[in-house]
Protein backbone atom coordinates (compact mmCIF):
# COMPACT_ATOMS: atom_id res chain seq x y z
CA MET A 1 148.41 150.04 108.55
CA ILE A 2 145.79 152.64 107.57
CA VAL A 3 142.30 151.56 106.46
CA GLU A 4 140.19 153.80 104.24
CA ARG A 5 136.76 153.44 102.70
CA ILE A 6 136.49 154.49 99.05
CA GLN A 7 133.03 155.76 98.15
CA SER A 8 133.54 157.77 94.96
CA ALA A 9 133.81 156.37 91.45
CA GLU A 10 136.60 158.81 90.64
CA GLU A 11 138.80 157.41 93.43
CA PHE A 12 137.93 153.87 92.34
CA PHE A 13 138.85 154.49 88.70
CA GLN A 14 142.19 156.09 89.67
CA LEU A 15 143.29 152.91 91.45
CA ARG A 16 143.69 150.77 88.30
CA ASP A 17 147.46 150.26 88.23
CA GLU A 18 147.81 149.78 91.99
CA TRP A 19 144.74 147.52 91.99
CA ASN A 20 146.03 145.18 89.32
CA ALA A 21 149.53 145.06 90.79
CA LEU A 22 148.08 144.01 94.16
CA LEU A 23 145.80 141.45 92.47
CA LYS A 24 148.83 139.85 90.82
CA ALA A 25 150.54 139.59 94.23
CA SER A 26 147.50 138.03 95.92
CA ARG A 27 145.99 134.54 96.21
CA SER A 28 142.87 135.86 94.47
CA HIS A 29 144.42 136.53 91.05
CA CYS A 30 141.68 136.04 88.42
CA LEU A 31 140.00 137.86 85.55
CA PHE A 32 136.84 138.77 87.48
CA LEU A 33 138.74 140.74 90.12
CA THR A 34 140.68 142.89 87.66
CA HIS A 35 140.06 146.60 87.84
CA GLU A 36 138.91 146.48 84.21
CA TRP A 37 136.12 143.97 84.89
CA LEU A 38 134.91 145.57 88.13
CA SER A 39 135.08 149.21 87.02
CA THR A 40 133.27 148.44 83.75
CA TRP A 41 130.59 146.61 85.72
CA TRP A 42 130.27 149.63 87.99
CA LYS A 43 129.79 152.00 85.06
CA HIS A 44 126.99 149.99 83.49
CA LEU A 45 125.37 147.67 86.05
CA ARG A 46 125.50 149.19 89.53
CA GLU A 47 121.69 149.69 89.70
CA GLY A 48 121.37 151.93 92.74
CA ARG A 49 124.28 150.51 94.72
CA HIS A 50 126.77 152.74 96.52
CA LEU A 51 130.50 152.15 96.53
CA SER A 52 132.06 150.96 99.75
CA ILE A 53 135.53 149.68 98.83
CA PHE A 54 137.81 148.92 101.76
CA ALA A 55 141.49 149.67 101.14
CA ALA A 56 144.48 149.12 103.43
CA ARG A 57 147.82 150.88 103.04
CA GLU A 58 151.13 150.46 104.81
CA ASN A 59 153.59 153.34 104.44
CA GLY A 60 151.51 154.50 101.49
CA ARG A 61 151.63 151.14 99.71
CA LEU A 62 148.37 149.37 98.88
CA ILE A 63 148.31 145.96 100.62
CA GLY A 64 144.61 145.07 100.77
CA LEU A 65 141.26 145.64 99.09
CA VAL A 66 137.73 144.37 99.52
CA PRO A 67 135.70 145.52 96.46
CA LEU A 68 132.31 146.11 98.10
CA ALA A 69 129.13 148.02 97.41
CA VAL A 70 126.03 148.68 99.51
CA ARG A 71 122.94 147.22 97.86
CA PRO A 72 119.63 148.91 98.70
CA PRO A 73 116.95 146.85 100.47
CA GLN A 74 114.89 144.38 98.43
CA TYR A 75 111.64 144.22 100.36
CA ALA A 76 109.99 141.65 98.08
CA ARG A 77 112.80 139.21 98.93
CA MET A 78 112.90 140.29 102.60
CA MET A 79 116.49 141.50 102.11
CA PRO A 80 117.84 144.48 104.09
CA ARG A 81 120.62 146.77 102.94
CA ILE A 82 123.69 144.60 102.55
CA LEU A 83 127.36 144.83 101.73
CA GLU A 84 128.23 142.63 98.76
CA PHE A 85 131.00 142.30 96.21
CA ILE A 86 131.07 144.63 93.25
CA ALA A 87 130.03 142.61 90.14
CA SER A 88 127.74 140.28 92.08
CA GLY A 89 124.65 139.11 90.25
CA ILE A 90 123.53 138.47 86.72
CA ILE A 91 126.74 139.20 84.82
CA GLY A 92 128.42 135.98 85.97
CA SER A 93 131.49 136.99 87.95
CA ASP A 94 133.06 133.89 89.49
CA TYR A 95 135.81 133.62 92.13
CA LEU A 96 135.11 136.95 93.83
CA ASP A 97 137.14 137.59 96.97
CA ALA A 98 139.19 140.08 98.95
CA ILE A 99 142.45 141.12 97.26
CA ILE A 100 145.25 141.05 99.81
CA GLU A 101 149.02 140.77 99.60
CA ARG A 102 149.90 137.10 99.96
CA GLY A 103 150.65 136.19 103.57
CA ARG A 104 148.94 139.27 105.02
CA GLU A 105 145.32 138.08 104.72
CA ASN A 106 144.46 137.68 108.40
CA GLN A 107 146.15 140.89 109.47
CA VAL A 108 144.46 143.01 106.80
CA LEU A 109 141.02 141.48 107.35
CA ARG A 110 141.34 142.24 111.06
CA GLY A 111 141.98 145.85 110.09
CA PHE A 112 138.88 145.86 107.86
CA SER A 113 136.72 144.25 110.55
CA SER A 114 136.65 147.44 112.65
CA GLU A 115 135.00 149.31 109.78
CA LEU A 116 132.57 146.43 109.20
CA ARG A 117 131.53 146.51 112.86
CA ARG A 118 131.00 150.25 112.69
CA LEU A 119 128.75 149.96 109.62
CA GLY A 120 126.78 147.08 111.15
CA LEU A 121 125.40 145.85 107.81
CA MET A 122 124.72 142.26 106.80
CA LEU A 123 127.49 140.85 104.58
CA GLN A 124 126.56 138.63 101.65
CA PHE A 125 129.38 137.24 99.51
CA THR A 126 128.65 134.94 96.59
CA GLN A 127 130.58 133.04 93.89
CA LEU A 128 133.34 132.27 96.40
CA ARG A 129 135.88 129.51 96.02
CA ARG A 130 135.92 127.30 99.09
CA HIS A 131 139.51 128.38 99.82
CA ALA A 132 138.84 132.12 99.32
CA CYS A 133 140.76 134.17 101.86
CA ILE A 134 137.64 136.00 103.01
CA VAL A 135 136.04 132.63 103.87
CA ALA A 136 139.09 131.39 105.74
CA ASP A 137 139.52 134.40 108.03
CA LEU A 138 136.67 136.91 108.23
CA PRO A 139 133.93 134.75 109.87
CA GLU A 140 136.20 133.81 112.77
CA ILE A 141 137.34 137.40 113.25
CA LEU A 142 133.75 138.68 113.48
CA ARG A 143 132.42 135.78 115.57
CA SER A 144 134.40 137.14 118.51
CA ASP A 145 131.89 140.03 118.53
CA ARG A 146 128.89 137.67 118.25
CA TRP A 147 128.35 138.07 114.51
CA ILE A 148 126.72 134.96 113.04
CA ALA A 149 128.14 133.37 109.88
CA SER A 150 126.59 130.79 107.59
CA ASP A 151 127.74 129.35 104.31
CA ALA A 152 126.32 127.14 101.60
CA THR A 153 127.44 125.59 98.33
CA ILE A 154 125.50 127.27 95.52
CA ASN A 155 127.20 126.14 92.31
CA VAL A 156 130.16 124.39 90.72
CA CYS A 157 132.68 125.34 88.07
CA PRO A 158 133.76 122.37 85.92
CA PHE A 159 137.29 122.68 84.55
CA VAL A 160 139.71 120.80 82.34
CA ASP A 161 143.25 120.29 83.62
CA LEU A 162 145.40 120.60 80.50
CA ALA A 163 148.78 120.62 82.25
CA SER A 164 151.22 118.13 80.70
CA HIS A 165 148.71 117.17 78.00
CA THR A 166 148.86 117.17 74.24
CA TRP A 167 145.60 117.19 72.33
CA GLU A 168 145.90 113.46 71.76
CA THR A 169 146.60 112.61 75.41
CA TYR A 170 143.75 114.85 76.55
CA LEU A 171 141.32 113.17 74.13
CA ALA A 172 142.41 109.83 75.56
CA THR A 173 141.08 110.91 78.99
CA LEU A 174 137.54 111.28 77.60
CA GLY A 175 134.95 108.57 77.26
CA SER A 176 135.47 106.56 74.09
CA SER A 177 131.99 107.32 72.72
CA HIS A 178 132.42 111.07 73.25
CA ARG A 179 135.90 111.04 71.74
CA CYS A 180 134.76 109.08 68.69
CA ASN A 181 131.69 111.27 68.28
CA PHE A 182 133.78 114.44 68.23
CA ASN A 183 136.24 113.07 65.66
CA ARG A 184 133.44 111.71 63.47
CA ARG A 185 131.46 114.96 63.57
CA LEU A 186 134.54 117.06 62.77
CA ARG A 187 135.45 114.88 59.78
CA ALA A 188 131.87 115.11 58.50
CA LEU A 189 131.93 118.90 58.70
CA GLN A 190 135.25 119.04 56.88
CA LYS A 191 133.86 116.75 54.17
CA ASN A 192 130.64 118.72 53.61
CA PHE A 193 131.69 122.32 54.24
CA ASN A 194 134.60 124.67 53.89
CA VAL A 195 135.49 124.88 57.62
CA ARG A 196 137.34 127.85 59.10
CA LEU A 197 137.97 128.75 62.76
CA ASP A 198 138.80 132.42 63.31
CA SER A 199 140.20 133.76 66.57
CA ILE A 200 139.49 137.46 67.05
CA ASN A 201 141.78 138.59 69.87
CA ALA A 202 142.43 142.25 69.04
CA GLY A 203 141.94 144.98 66.48
CA ASN A 204 139.00 146.81 64.99
CA GLY A 205 136.98 143.64 64.42
CA VAL A 206 136.25 142.77 68.05
CA LEU A 207 132.92 144.61 68.27
CA SER A 208 131.69 143.05 65.02
CA ALA A 209 132.77 139.64 66.31
CA LEU A 210 130.87 140.26 69.57
CA ASP A 211 127.77 141.09 67.52
CA VAL A 212 128.14 137.74 65.72
CA LEU A 213 128.48 135.90 69.04
CA MET A 214 125.42 137.62 70.52
CA GLU A 215 123.33 136.87 67.44
CA LEU A 216 124.32 133.19 67.54
CA HIS A 217 123.62 133.06 71.27
CA ARG A 218 120.15 134.51 70.78
CA LYS A 219 119.41 132.08 67.97
CA ARG A 220 120.38 129.26 70.31
CA TRP A 221 118.56 130.40 73.44
CA ASP A 222 115.86 133.00 72.79
CA PRO A 223 113.21 130.49 71.60
CA ARG A 224 113.61 128.70 74.94
CA GLY A 225 113.72 131.89 76.98
CA ASN A 226 116.28 130.56 79.46
CA SER A 227 119.32 132.78 78.94
CA GLU A 228 119.92 136.18 80.50
CA ALA A 229 123.41 136.62 79.06
CA PHE A 230 122.63 139.60 76.80
CA CYS A 231 119.12 140.42 77.97
CA SER A 232 119.38 144.19 78.48
CA PRO A 233 121.03 147.20 76.80
CA SER A 234 123.17 147.82 79.91
CA ILE A 235 124.58 144.28 79.81
CA VAL A 236 125.36 144.63 76.11
CA GLU A 237 127.10 147.96 76.76
CA PHE A 238 129.12 146.35 79.54
CA HIS A 239 130.41 143.72 77.13
CA ARG A 240 131.05 146.19 74.33
CA GLU A 241 133.30 148.23 76.62
CA PHE A 242 134.97 145.34 78.41
CA ILE A 243 135.75 143.39 75.25
CA GLN A 244 137.81 146.32 73.96
CA LEU A 245 139.74 146.54 77.23
CA ALA A 246 140.31 142.77 77.16
CA ALA A 247 141.60 143.01 73.58
CA GLU A 248 144.02 145.80 74.56
CA ARG A 249 145.34 143.73 77.48
CA GLY A 250 145.74 140.57 75.37
CA TRP A 251 143.04 138.66 77.30
CA LEU A 252 140.34 138.34 74.65
CA ARG A 253 139.73 135.03 72.89
CA LEU A 254 136.62 135.27 70.71
CA ARG A 255 136.44 132.31 68.33
CA ILE A 256 134.00 131.94 65.44
CA LEU A 257 133.50 128.78 63.39
CA PHE A 258 132.54 129.43 59.78
CA LEU A 259 130.94 126.86 57.48
CA ASP A 260 131.08 127.92 53.83
CA GLU A 261 131.84 131.46 55.03
CA ARG A 262 128.72 131.54 57.21
CA PRO A 263 129.13 131.94 61.01
CA ALA A 264 127.80 128.75 62.59
CA ALA A 265 129.13 128.78 66.17
CA ALA A 266 131.13 131.05 68.46
CA ILE A 267 132.80 131.02 71.87
CA TYR A 268 133.49 134.16 73.89
CA GLY A 269 136.36 133.54 76.26
CA PHE A 270 139.44 135.02 77.87
CA ARG A 271 143.02 133.94 78.44
CA PHE A 272 144.22 135.26 81.78
CA GLY A 273 147.51 133.93 83.08
CA SER A 274 147.59 130.21 82.35
CA THR A 275 143.78 129.85 82.40
CA PHE A 276 141.30 129.99 79.55
CA TYR A 277 137.87 131.13 80.78
CA PHE A 278 134.92 129.86 78.74
CA TYR A 279 132.49 132.72 79.29
CA GLN A 280 129.68 132.41 76.74
CA SER A 281 128.78 130.67 73.49
CA GLY A 282 126.22 130.44 70.73
CA PHE A 283 125.46 128.51 67.60
CA ASP A 284 123.03 128.48 64.72
CA PRO A 285 120.34 125.83 65.43
CA SER A 286 120.06 125.14 61.71
CA TYR A 287 123.35 123.22 62.10
CA SER A 288 122.17 121.22 65.13
CA ARG A 289 122.12 117.91 63.26
CA HIS A 290 125.86 118.37 62.70
CA SER A 291 126.50 118.65 66.49
CA ILE A 292 128.04 122.05 65.85
CA GLY A 293 128.18 122.92 69.57
CA LEU A 294 130.14 119.78 70.40
CA VAL A 295 132.62 120.39 67.56
CA MET A 296 133.07 124.04 68.54
CA MET A 297 133.83 123.16 72.16
CA GLY A 298 136.43 120.60 71.16
CA LEU A 299 138.13 123.00 68.75
CA SER A 300 138.16 125.71 71.43
CA ILE A 301 139.82 123.41 73.98
CA ARG A 302 142.38 122.35 71.38
CA ALA A 303 143.13 126.00 70.53
CA ALA A 304 143.59 126.82 74.24
CA LEU A 305 145.94 123.88 74.66
CA ASP A 306 147.91 124.85 71.54
CA GLU A 307 148.59 128.31 72.95
CA GLY A 308 149.81 126.90 76.27
CA ALA A 309 146.83 127.17 78.64
CA SER A 310 147.08 124.76 81.57
CA VAL A 311 143.41 125.08 82.63
CA TYR A 312 140.23 125.38 80.57
CA ASP A 313 137.68 126.75 83.03
CA LEU A 314 134.02 126.33 82.05
CA LEU A 315 132.91 128.60 84.91
CA HIS A 316 129.73 128.24 86.93
CA GLY A 317 127.01 125.85 85.94
CA ALA A 318 126.60 122.08 86.14
CA GLU A 319 125.21 121.64 82.61
CA GLU A 320 125.66 118.10 81.33
CA TYR A 321 127.64 119.08 78.24
CA LYS A 322 130.40 120.59 80.39
CA PHE A 323 131.08 117.26 82.06
CA HIS A 324 131.51 115.60 78.68
CA TRP A 325 134.78 117.54 78.55
CA ALA A 326 135.71 118.21 82.18
CA ARG A 327 136.64 115.70 84.88
CA SER A 328 137.23 118.19 87.69
CA LYS A 329 135.16 120.86 89.37
CA CYS A 330 135.51 123.69 91.87
CA GLU A 331 132.72 124.40 94.33
CA LEU A 332 131.34 127.92 94.65
CA GLY A 333 129.83 129.10 97.89
CA ARG A 334 127.77 131.85 99.45
CA LEU A 335 128.91 133.33 102.77
CA GLU A 336 126.54 135.44 104.87
CA ILE A 337 127.60 137.18 108.07
CA HIS A 338 124.97 138.89 110.23
CA PRO A 339 125.72 141.56 112.83
CA PRO A 340 124.65 140.88 116.44
CA HIS A 341 121.78 143.39 116.71
CA THR A 342 118.11 142.34 116.97
CA ARG A 343 117.11 143.70 113.56
CA ALA A 344 119.72 141.48 111.88
CA ARG A 345 118.36 138.38 113.65
CA LEU A 346 114.87 139.15 112.34
CA TYR A 347 116.16 139.62 108.82
CA ARG A 348 118.10 136.36 109.02
CA ARG A 349 114.92 134.47 109.89
CA ALA A 350 112.96 136.26 107.15
CA ILE A 351 115.59 135.42 104.55
CA ALA A 352 115.60 131.76 105.59
CA PHE A 353 111.79 131.67 105.32
CA ASN A 354 111.86 133.33 101.89
CA ARG A 355 114.41 130.83 100.55
CA ALA A 356 112.47 127.87 101.93
CA ALA A 357 109.31 129.17 100.25
CA ARG A 358 111.09 129.55 96.90
CA ARG A 359 112.55 126.05 97.13
CA MET A 360 109.09 124.65 97.80
CA ALA A 361 107.64 126.61 94.87
CA ARG A 362 110.31 125.21 92.53
CA ARG A 363 109.55 121.66 93.66
CA VAL A 364 105.82 122.18 93.05
CA LEU A 365 106.47 123.60 89.57
CA GLN A 366 108.72 120.64 88.71
CA ARG A 367 105.85 118.27 89.49
CA VAL A 368 103.34 120.12 87.32
């Protein structure tokens, strides 16, 4: 096995077919680890990071990847230079992990650990499933050289298990008041409006549909100021490029609900394998009294079920409305591994102090 470190964008972009083939053969197979998602993120959102992708080959065949980047120090947060996953941060990439041929995880991570020791940088991995292969193996491998690992639960991903369900049997699993409310609200809309649900999955209309979704999202959230989904030109450009790639690959599911030919609600999602990923949404607040968000979510789940999805994943966030539909959840964690030198110990203490101070500040603000 030969381990190499990829540091140029050109080399990264050339790996697409090998990358996706390995992803399909790994335990980590998900949308947010596709070459399309990660390379598009790198083009638009890298913000001063430097590529540091670890790749392992055996007889020329790619058998392992860790999609990493070096993030520059953040002195205000007392954070040193760190190695982190590509696509970490604001864009909302869940289920990040190493990508390794199934059954070879421990062997390949042991090969990567020599390069990690040589670099001697703090490792910070976020949005990890609890059973991620990097969580299961890497901390123990590095602890033998006195590296210190810590992990914490940072979020949850509610999801709907649709396997073996029809729409009627799924509805029967929901609370009776929620089920009745959805049916009543849908009938009222159909009585008072001409209702149409469009699914824009491919073709020339995907960028126009994205514009509709972003406008509805801003109408919903901008007055409250608590959404960062489309808050910068670089994020918008990321989505405008990725949505076209997703449409070409057959992953895109952008659904818009029209009332009397006027867009009232939209959901931006993806079908990848047997999973539907609910990524973002928006609706026109002028229809709030019709519970347009509730109706749109139900119609989206029904559409996913009709096309054969076995999981409807609402991704990270414990918002109350998600648990009106979902009965299961997946925990997301953060794993930090510090090298054994003195400087790393000082940074670890500084980071812990900084986080404690921010937690205290949030508690004080909640009381005001």
